[in-house]
Amino acid sequence: MSQQTVGFIDYVAQGGDTFDSIALVAYNEERMASVIIEANPDLSDVLIFEGGEAVRIPIVETVETPETLPPWRR
């Protein structure tokens, strides 16, 4: 399976937010923080947001591709 970005949500960071905390709220998964970081290269060095920063949160869909399907489902 692979993930495909189908759009973005604009989010204004609150003081104390981190990429992990934003990912937890947006995706219910802290490990998705890397997806948000990739969409915001200008903010990639931020550890803790001061507040007011515009963060783009990708809307992702999981897509099954032939390479990721088991042989009996291809």
PDB file of N, CA and C in Angstrom:
ATOM      1  N   MET A   1       0.841  -1.175   0.000  1.00  0.00           N
ATOM      2  CA  MET A   1       0.000   0.000   0.000  1.00  0.00           C
ATOM      3  C   MET A   1       0.887   1.240   0.000  1.00  0.00           C
ATOM      4  N   SER A   2       0.411   2.254  -0.642  1.00  0.00           N
ATOM      5  CA  SER A   2       1.114   3.522  -0.634  1.00  0.00           C
ATOM      6  C   SER A   2       0.115   4.611  -0.282  1.00  0.00           C
ATOM      7  N   GLN A   3       0.647   5.760   0.057  1.00  0.00           N
ATOM      8  CA  GLN A   3      -0.219   6.871   0.418  1.00  0.00           C
ATOM      9  C   GLN A   3      -0.165   7.921  -0.674  1.00  0.00           C
ATOM     10  N   GLN A   4      -1.306   8.478  -0.962  1.00  0.00           N
ATOM     11  CA  GLN A   4      -1.431   9.487  -1.997  1.00  0.00           C
ATOM     12  C   GLN A   4      -2.048  10.731  -1.369  1.00  0.00           C
ATOM     13  N   THR A   5      -1.430  11.885  -1.608  1.00  0.00           N
ATOM     14  CA  THR A   5      -1.974  13.143  -1.106  1.00  0.00           C
ATOM     15  C   THR A   5      -3.066  13.626  -2.050  1.00  0.00           C
ATOM     16  N   VAL A   6      -4.245  13.896  -1.498  1.00  0.00           N
ATOM     17  CA  VAL A   6      -5.375  14.329  -2.321  1.00  0.00           C
ATOM     18  C   VAL A   6      -5.783  15.771  -2.032  1.00  0.00           C
ATOM     19  N   GLY A   7      -5.086  16.423  -1.129  1.00  0.00           N
ATOM     20  CA  GLY A   7      -5.383  17.810  -0.791  1.00  0.00           C
ATOM     21  C   GLY A   7      -4.667  18.202   0.489  1.00  0.00           C
ATOM     22  N   PHE A   8      -4.986  19.382   0.974  1.00  0.00           N
ATOM     23  CA  PHE A   8      -4.345  19.887   2.188  1.00  0.00           C
ATOM     24  C   PHE A   8      -5.369  20.595   3.060  1.00  0.00           C
ATOM     25  N   ILE A   9      -5.105  20.577   4.355  1.00  0.00           N
ATOM     26  CA  ILE A   9      -5.863  21.363   5.322  1.00  0.00           C
ATOM     27  C   ILE A   9      -4.892  22.401   5.867  1.00  0.00           C
ATOM     28  N   ASP A  10      -5.319  23.654   5.897  1.00  0.00           N
ATOM     29  CA  ASP A  10      -4.487  24.704   6.476  1.00  0.00           C
ATOM     30  C   ASP A  10      -4.762  24.764   7.975  1.00  0.00           C
ATOM     31  N   TYR A  11      -3.688  24.747   8.750  1.00  0.00           N
ATOM     32  CA  TYR A  11      -3.790  24.747  10.209  1.00  0.00           C
ATOM     33  C   TYR A  11      -2.890  25.845  10.746  1.00  0.00           C
ATOM     34  N   VAL A  12      -3.357  26.575  11.729  1.00  0.00           N
ATOM     35  CA  VAL A  12      -2.539  27.583  12.392  1.00  0.00           C
ATOM     36  C   VAL A  12      -2.049  26.973  13.698  1.00  0.00           C
ATOM     37  N   ALA A  13      -0.729  26.840  13.805  1.00  0.00           N
ATOM     38  CA  ALA A  13      -0.133  26.201  14.979  1.00  0.00           C
ATOM     39  C   ALA A  13      -0.407  27.024  16.235  1.00  0.00           C
ATOM     40  N   GLN A  14      -0.603  26.316  17.319  1.00  0.00           N
ATOM     41  CA  GLN A  14      -0.772  26.926  18.630  1.00  0.00           C
ATOM     42  C   GLN A  14       0.561  26.851  19.367  1.00  0.00           C
ATOM     43  N   GLY A  15       0.804  27.767  20.268  1.00  0.00           N
ATOM     44  CA  GLY A  15       2.025  27.734  21.058  1.00  0.00           C
ATOM     45  C   GLY A  15       2.169  26.402  21.773  1.00  0.00           C
ATOM     46  N   GLY A  16       3.315  25.758  21.606  1.00  0.00           N
ATOM     47  CA  GLY A  16       3.559  24.466  22.242  1.00  0.00           C
ATOM     48  C   GLY A  16       3.291  23.276  21.350  1.00  0.00           C
ATOM     49  N   ASP A  17       2.646  23.490  20.204  1.00  0.00           N
ATOM     50  CA  ASP A  17       2.427  22.389  19.255  1.00  0.00           C
ATOM     51  C   ASP A  17       3.760  21.843  18.765  1.00  0.00           C
ATOM     52  N   THR A  18       3.769  20.572  18.441  1.00  0.00           N
ATOM     53  CA  THR A  18       4.898  19.928  17.765  1.00  0.00           C
ATOM     54  C   THR A  18       4.326  19.194  16.557  1.00  0.00           C
ATOM     55  N   PHE A  19       5.204  18.774  15.653  1.00  0.00           N
ATOM     56  CA  PHE A  19       4.712  17.999  14.514  1.00  0.00           C
ATOM     57  C   PHE A  19       4.025  16.724  14.999  1.00  0.00           C
ATOM     58  N   ASP A  20       4.570  16.112  16.047  1.00  0.00           N
ATOM     59  CA  ASP A  20       3.965  14.897  16.604  1.00  0.00           C
ATOM     60  C   ASP A  20       2.555  15.161  17.131  1.00  0.00           C
ATOM     61  N   SER A  21       2.392  16.256  17.858  1.00  0.00           N
ATOM     62  CA  SER A  21       1.071  16.537  18.436  1.00  0.00           C
ATOM     63  C   SER A  21       0.055  16.899  17.354  1.00  0.00           C
ATOM     64  N   ILE A  22       0.507  17.596  16.310  1.00  0.00           N
ATOM     65  CA  ILE A  22      -0.393  17.921  15.196  1.00  0.00           C
ATOM     66  C   ILE A  22      -0.804  16.640  14.476  1.00  0.00           C
ATOM     67  N   ALA A  23       0.156  15.741  14.250  1.00  0.00           N
ATOM     68  CA  ALA A  23      -0.141  14.468  13.579  1.00  0.00           C
ATOM     69  C   ALA A  23      -1.100  13.621  14.407  1.00  0.00           C
ATOM     70  N   LEU A  24      -0.943  13.642  15.718  1.00  0.00           N
ATOM     71  CA  LEU A  24      -1.832  12.865  16.582  1.00  0.00           C
ATOM     72  C   LEU A  24      -3.276  13.350  16.445  1.00  0.00           C
ATOM     73  N   VAL A  25      -3.469  14.655  16.385  1.00  0.00           N
ATOM     74  CA  VAL A  25      -4.818  15.208  16.238  1.00  0.00           C
ATOM     75  C   VAL A  25      -5.350  14.968  14.824  1.00  0.00           C
ATOM     76  N   ALA A  26      -4.506  15.207  13.818  1.00  0.00           N
ATOM     77  CA  ALA A  26      -4.961  15.124  12.424  1.00  0.00           C
ATOM     78  C   ALA A  26      -5.184  13.692  11.952  1.00  0.00           C
ATOM     79  N   TYR A  27      -4.288  12.791  12.352  1.00  0.00           N
ATOM     80  CA  TYR A  27      -4.321  11.419  11.826  1.00  0.00           C
ATOM     81  C   TYR A  27      -4.542  10.350  12.892  1.00  0.00           C
ATOM     82  N   ASN A  28      -4.564  10.762  14.168  1.00  0.00           N
ATOM     83  CA  ASN A  28      -4.631   9.815  15.275  1.00  0.00           C
ATOM     84  C   ASN A  28      -3.404   8.906  15.294  1.00  0.00           C
ATOM     85  N   GLU A  29      -2.298   9.412  14.752  1.00  0.00           N
ATOM     86  CA  GLU A  29      -1.043   8.654  14.654  1.00  0.00           C
ATOM     87  C   GLU A  29       0.132   9.617  14.713  1.00  0.00           C
ATOM     88  N   GLU A  30       0.913   9.572  15.784  1.00  0.00           N
ATOM     89  CA  GLU A  30       2.088  10.441  15.880  1.00  0.00           C
ATOM     90  C   GLU A  30       3.116  10.139  14.799  1.00  0.00           C
ATOM     91  N   ARG A  31       3.184   8.887  14.346  1.00  0.00           N
ATOM     92  CA  ARG A  31       4.195   8.512  13.355  1.00  0.00           C
ATOM     93  C   ARG A  31       3.960   9.172  11.998  1.00  0.00           C
ATOM     94  N   MET A  32       2.800   9.785  11.810  1.00  0.00           N
ATOM     95  CA  MET A  32       2.503  10.497  10.565  1.00  0.00           C
ATOM     96  C   MET A  32       3.107  11.899  10.550  1.00  0.00           C
ATOM     97  N   ALA A  33       3.840  12.256  11.589  1.00  0.00           N
ATOM     98  CA  ALA A  33       4.472  13.578  11.640  1.00  0.00           C
ATOM     99  C   ALA A  33       5.367  13.810  10.433  1.00  0.00           C
ATOM    100  N   SER A  34       6.027  12.767   9.947  1.00  0.00           N
ATOM    101  CA  SER A  34       6.932  12.920   8.802  1.00  0.00           C
ATOM    102  C   SER A  34       6.190  13.395   7.555  1.00  0.00           C
ATOM    103  N   VAL A  35       4.938  13.012   7.400  1.00  0.00           N
ATOM    104  CA  VAL A  35       4.132  13.450   6.256  1.00  0.00           C
ATOM    105  C   VAL A  35       3.910  14.965   6.336  1.00  0.00           C
ATOM    106  N   ILE A  36       3.652  15.461   7.525  1.00  0.00           N
ATOM    107  CA  ILE A  36       3.435  16.897   7.710  1.00  0.00           C
ATOM    108  C   ILE A  36       4.748  17.654   7.524  1.00  0.00           C
ATOM    109  N   ILE A  37       5.836  17.117   8.037  1.00  0.00           N
ATOM    110  CA  ILE A  37       7.145  17.765   7.872  1.00  0.00           C
ATOM    111  C   ILE A  37       7.501  17.872   6.395  1.00  0.00           C
ATOM    112  N   GLU A  38       7.283  16.803   5.634  1.00  0.00           N
ATOM    113  CA  GLU A  38       7.582  16.821   4.197  1.00  0.00           C
ATOM    114  C   GLU A  38       6.760  17.871   3.461  1.00  0.00           C
ATOM    115  N   ALA A  39       5.550  18.124   3.906  1.00  0.00           N
ATOM    116  CA  ALA A  39       4.683  19.110   3.265  1.00  0.00           C
ATOM    117  C   ALA A  39       5.028  20.544   3.670  1.00  0.00           C
ATOM    118  N   ASN A  40       5.879  20.682   4.684  1.00  0.00           N
ATOM    119  CA  ASN A  40       6.247  22.001   5.207  1.00  0.00           C
ATOM    120  C   ASN A  40       7.760  22.121   5.358  1.00  0.00           C
ATOM    121  N   PRO A  41       8.506  22.047   4.254  1.00  0.00           N
ATOM    122  CA  PRO A  41       9.972  22.058   4.361  1.00  0.00           C
ATOM    123  C   PRO A  41      10.525  23.321   5.015  1.00  0.00           C
ATOM    124  N   ASP A  42       9.819  24.434   4.895  1.00  0.00           N
ATOM    125  CA  ASP A  42      10.278  25.675   5.513  1.00  0.00           C
ATOM    126  C   ASP A  42      10.160  25.650   7.038  1.00  0.00           C
ATOM    127  N   LEU A  43       9.407  24.711   7.576  1.00  0.00           N
ATOM    128  CA  LEU A  43       9.236  24.589   9.030  1.00  0.00           C
ATOM    129  C   LEU A  43       9.930  23.356   9.600  1.00  0.00           C
ATOM    130  N   SER A  44      10.672  22.648   8.768  1.00  0.00           N
ATOM    131  CA  SER A  44      11.220  21.351   9.183  1.00  0.00           C
ATOM    132  C   SER A  44      12.184  21.438  10.364  1.00  0.00           C
ATOM    133  N   ASP A  45      12.749  22.607  10.626  1.00  0.00           N
ATOM    134  CA  ASP A  45      13.678  22.736  11.750  1.00  0.00           C
ATOM    135  C   ASP A  45      12.985  23.149  13.053  1.00  0.00           C
ATOM    136  N   VAL A  46      11.677  23.335  13.010  1.00  0.00           N
ATOM    137  CA  VAL A  46      10.922  23.733  14.205  1.00  0.00           C
ATOM    138  C   VAL A  46      10.678  22.509  15.086  1.00  0.00           C
ATOM    139  N   LEU A  47      11.053  22.619  16.347  1.00  0.00           N
ATOM    140  CA  LEU A  47      10.777  21.537  17.295  1.00  0.00           C
ATOM    141  C   LEU A  47       9.473  21.792  18.042  1.00  0.00           C
ATOM    142  N   ILE A  48       9.315  23.026  18.517  1.00  0.00           N
ATOM    143  CA  ILE A  48       8.096  23.425  19.224  1.00  0.00           C
ATOM    144  C   ILE A  48       7.629  24.742  18.608  1.00  0.00           C
ATOM    145  N   PHE A  49       6.393  24.767  18.144  1.00  0.00           N
ATOM    146  CA  PHE A  49       5.864  25.962  17.500  1.00  0.00           C
ATOM    147  C   PHE A  49       5.585  27.053  18.529  1.00  0.00           C
ATOM    148  N   GLU A  50       5.871  28.293  18.133  1.00  0.00           N
ATOM    149  CA  GLU A  50       5.601  29.441  19.002  1.00  0.00           C
ATOM    150  C   GLU A  50       4.127  29.813  18.973  1.00  0.00           C
ATOM    151  N   GLY A  51       3.468  29.514  17.873  1.00  0.00           N
ATOM    152  CA  GLY A  51       2.061  29.855  17.678  1.00  0.00           C
ATOM    153  C   GLY A  51       1.924  30.825  16.517  1.00  0.00           C
ATOM    154  N   GLY A  52       0.935  30.602  15.693  1.00  0.00           N
ATOM    155  CA  GLY A  52       0.681  31.475  14.561  1.00  0.00           C
ATOM    156  C   GLY A  52       1.269  31.005  13.244  1.00  0.00           C
ATOM    157  N   GLU A  53       2.104  29.971  13.257  1.00  0.00           N
ATOM    158  CA  GLU A  53       2.693  29.471  12.018  1.00  0.00           C
ATOM    159  C   GLU A  53       1.632  28.739  11.195  1.00  0.00           C
ATOM    160  N   ALA A  54       1.664  28.966   9.883  1.00  0.00           N
ATOM    161  CA  ALA A  54       0.741  28.281   8.972  1.00  0.00           C
ATOM    162  C   ALA A  54       1.333  26.924   8.614  1.00  0.00           C
ATOM    163  N   VAL A  55       0.611  25.870   8.937  1.00  0.00           N
ATOM    164  CA  VAL A  55       1.066  24.499   8.683  1.00  0.00           C
ATOM    165  C   VAL A  55       0.085  23.844   7.714  1.00  0.00           C
ATOM    166  N   ARG A  56       0.624  23.254   6.656  1.00  0.00           N
ATOM    167  CA  ARG A  56      -0.213  22.520   5.695  1.00  0.00           C
ATOM    168  C   ARG A  56      -0.244  21.055   6.122  1.00  0.00           C
ATOM    169  N   ILE A  57      -1.437  20.535   6.343  1.00  0.00           N
ATOM    170  CA  ILE A  57      -1.597  19.135   6.728  1.00  0.00           C
ATOM    171  C   ILE A  57      -2.137  18.381   5.516  1.00  0.00           C
ATOM    172  N   PRO A  58      -1.345  17.455   4.967  1.00  0.00           N
ATOM    173  CA  PRO A  58      -1.812  16.702   3.797  1.00  0.00           C
ATOM    174  C   PRO A  58      -2.999  15.800   4.137  1.00  0.00           C
ATOM    175  N   ILE A  59      -3.944  15.739   3.211  1.00  0.00           N
ATOM    176  CA  ILE A  59      -5.034  14.768   3.291  1.00  0.00           C
ATOM    177  C   ILE A  59      -4.548  13.572   2.485  1.00  0.00           C
ATOM    178  N   VAL A  60      -4.368  12.443   3.139  1.00  0.00           N
ATOM    179  CA  VAL A  60      -3.796  11.282   2.463  1.00  0.00           C
ATOM    180  C   VAL A  60      -4.812  10.151   2.370  1.00  0.00           C
ATOM    181  N   GLU A  61      -4.718   9.430   1.263  1.00  0.00           N
ATOM    182  CA  GLU A  61      -5.508   8.219   1.063  1.00  0.00           C
ATOM    183  C   GLU A  61      -4.542   7.067   0.881  1.00  0.00           C
ATOM    184  N   THR A  62      -4.910   5.921   1.393  1.00  0.00           N
ATOM    185  CA  THR A  62      -4.108   4.727   1.192  1.00  0.00           C
ATOM    186  C   THR A  62      -4.551   4.065  -0.101  1.00  0.00           C
ATOM    187  N   VAL A  63      -3.586   3.784  -0.954  1.00  0.00           N
ATOM    188  CA  VAL A  63      -3.865   3.205  -2.262  1.00  0.00           C
ATOM    189  C   VAL A  63      -3.140   1.874  -2.368  1.00  0.00           C
ATOM    190  N   GLU A  64      -3.869   0.847  -2.769  1.00  0.00           N
ATOM    191  CA  GLU A  64      -3.233  -0.445  -2.999  1.00  0.00           C
ATOM    192  C   GLU A  64      -2.713  -0.472  -4.426  1.00  0.00           C
ATOM    193  N   THR A  65      -1.445  -0.786  -4.561  1.00  0.00           N
ATOM    194  CA  THR A  65      -0.835  -0.894  -5.882  1.00  0.00           C
ATOM    195  C   THR A  65      -0.483  -2.350  -6.128  1.00  0.00           C
ATOM    196  N   PRO A  66      -0.346  -2.762  -7.382  1.00  0.00           N
ATOM    197  CA  PRO A  66      -0.011  -4.165  -7.664  1.00  0.00           C
ATOM    198  C   PRO A  66       1.235  -4.645  -6.915  1.00  0.00           C
ATOM    199  N   GLU A  67       2.196  -3.754  -6.719  1.00  0.00           N
ATOM    200  CA  GLU A  67       3.421  -4.156  -6.022  1.00  0.00           C
ATOM    201  C   GLU A  67       3.177  -4.475  -4.555  1.00  0.00           C
ATOM    202  N   THR A  68       2.157  -3.867  -3.974  1.00  0.00           N
ATOM    203  CA  THR A  68       1.912  -4.067  -2.548  1.00  0.00           C
ATOM    204  C   THR A  68       0.834  -5.099  -2.261  1.00  0.00           C
ATOM    205  N   LEU A  69       0.140  -5.536  -3.296  1.00  0.00           N
ATOM    206  CA  LEU A  69      -0.890  -6.555  -3.107  1.00  0.00           C
ATOM    207  C   LEU A  69      -0.260  -7.938  -3.018  1.00  0.00           C
ATOM    208  N   PRO A  70      -0.824  -8.813  -2.212  1.00  0.00           N
ATOM    209  CA  PRO A  70      -0.336 -10.182  -2.208  1.00  0.00           C
ATOM    210  C   PRO A  70      -0.615 -10.819  -3.574  1.00  0.00           C
ATOM    211  N   PRO A  71       0.165 -11.799  -3.982  1.00  0.00           N
ATOM    212  CA  PRO A  71       0.020 -12.392  -5.316  1.00  0.00           C
ATOM    213  C   PRO A  71      -1.397 -12.862  -5.641  1.00  0.00           C
ATOM    214  N   TRP A  72      -2.133 -13.374  -4.653  1.00  0.00           N
ATOM    215  CA  TRP A  72      -3.473 -13.897  -4.928  1.00  0.00           C
ATOM    216  C   TRP A  72      -4.506 -12.782  -5.151  1.00  0.00           C
ATOM    217  N   ARG A  73      -4.124 -11.525  -4.919  1.00  0.00           N
ATOM    218  CA  ARG A  73      -5.054 -10.412  -5.142  1.00  0.00           C
ATOM    219  C   ARG A  73      -4.689  -9.575  -6.364  1.00  0.00           C
ATOM    220  N   ARG A  74      -3.614  -9.920  -7.047  1.00  0.00           N
ATOM    221  CA  ARG A  74      -3.182  -9.131  -8.213  1.00  0.00           C
ATOM    222  C   ARG A  74      -4.000  -9.436  -9.423  1.00  0.00           C
TER     223      ARG A  74
END
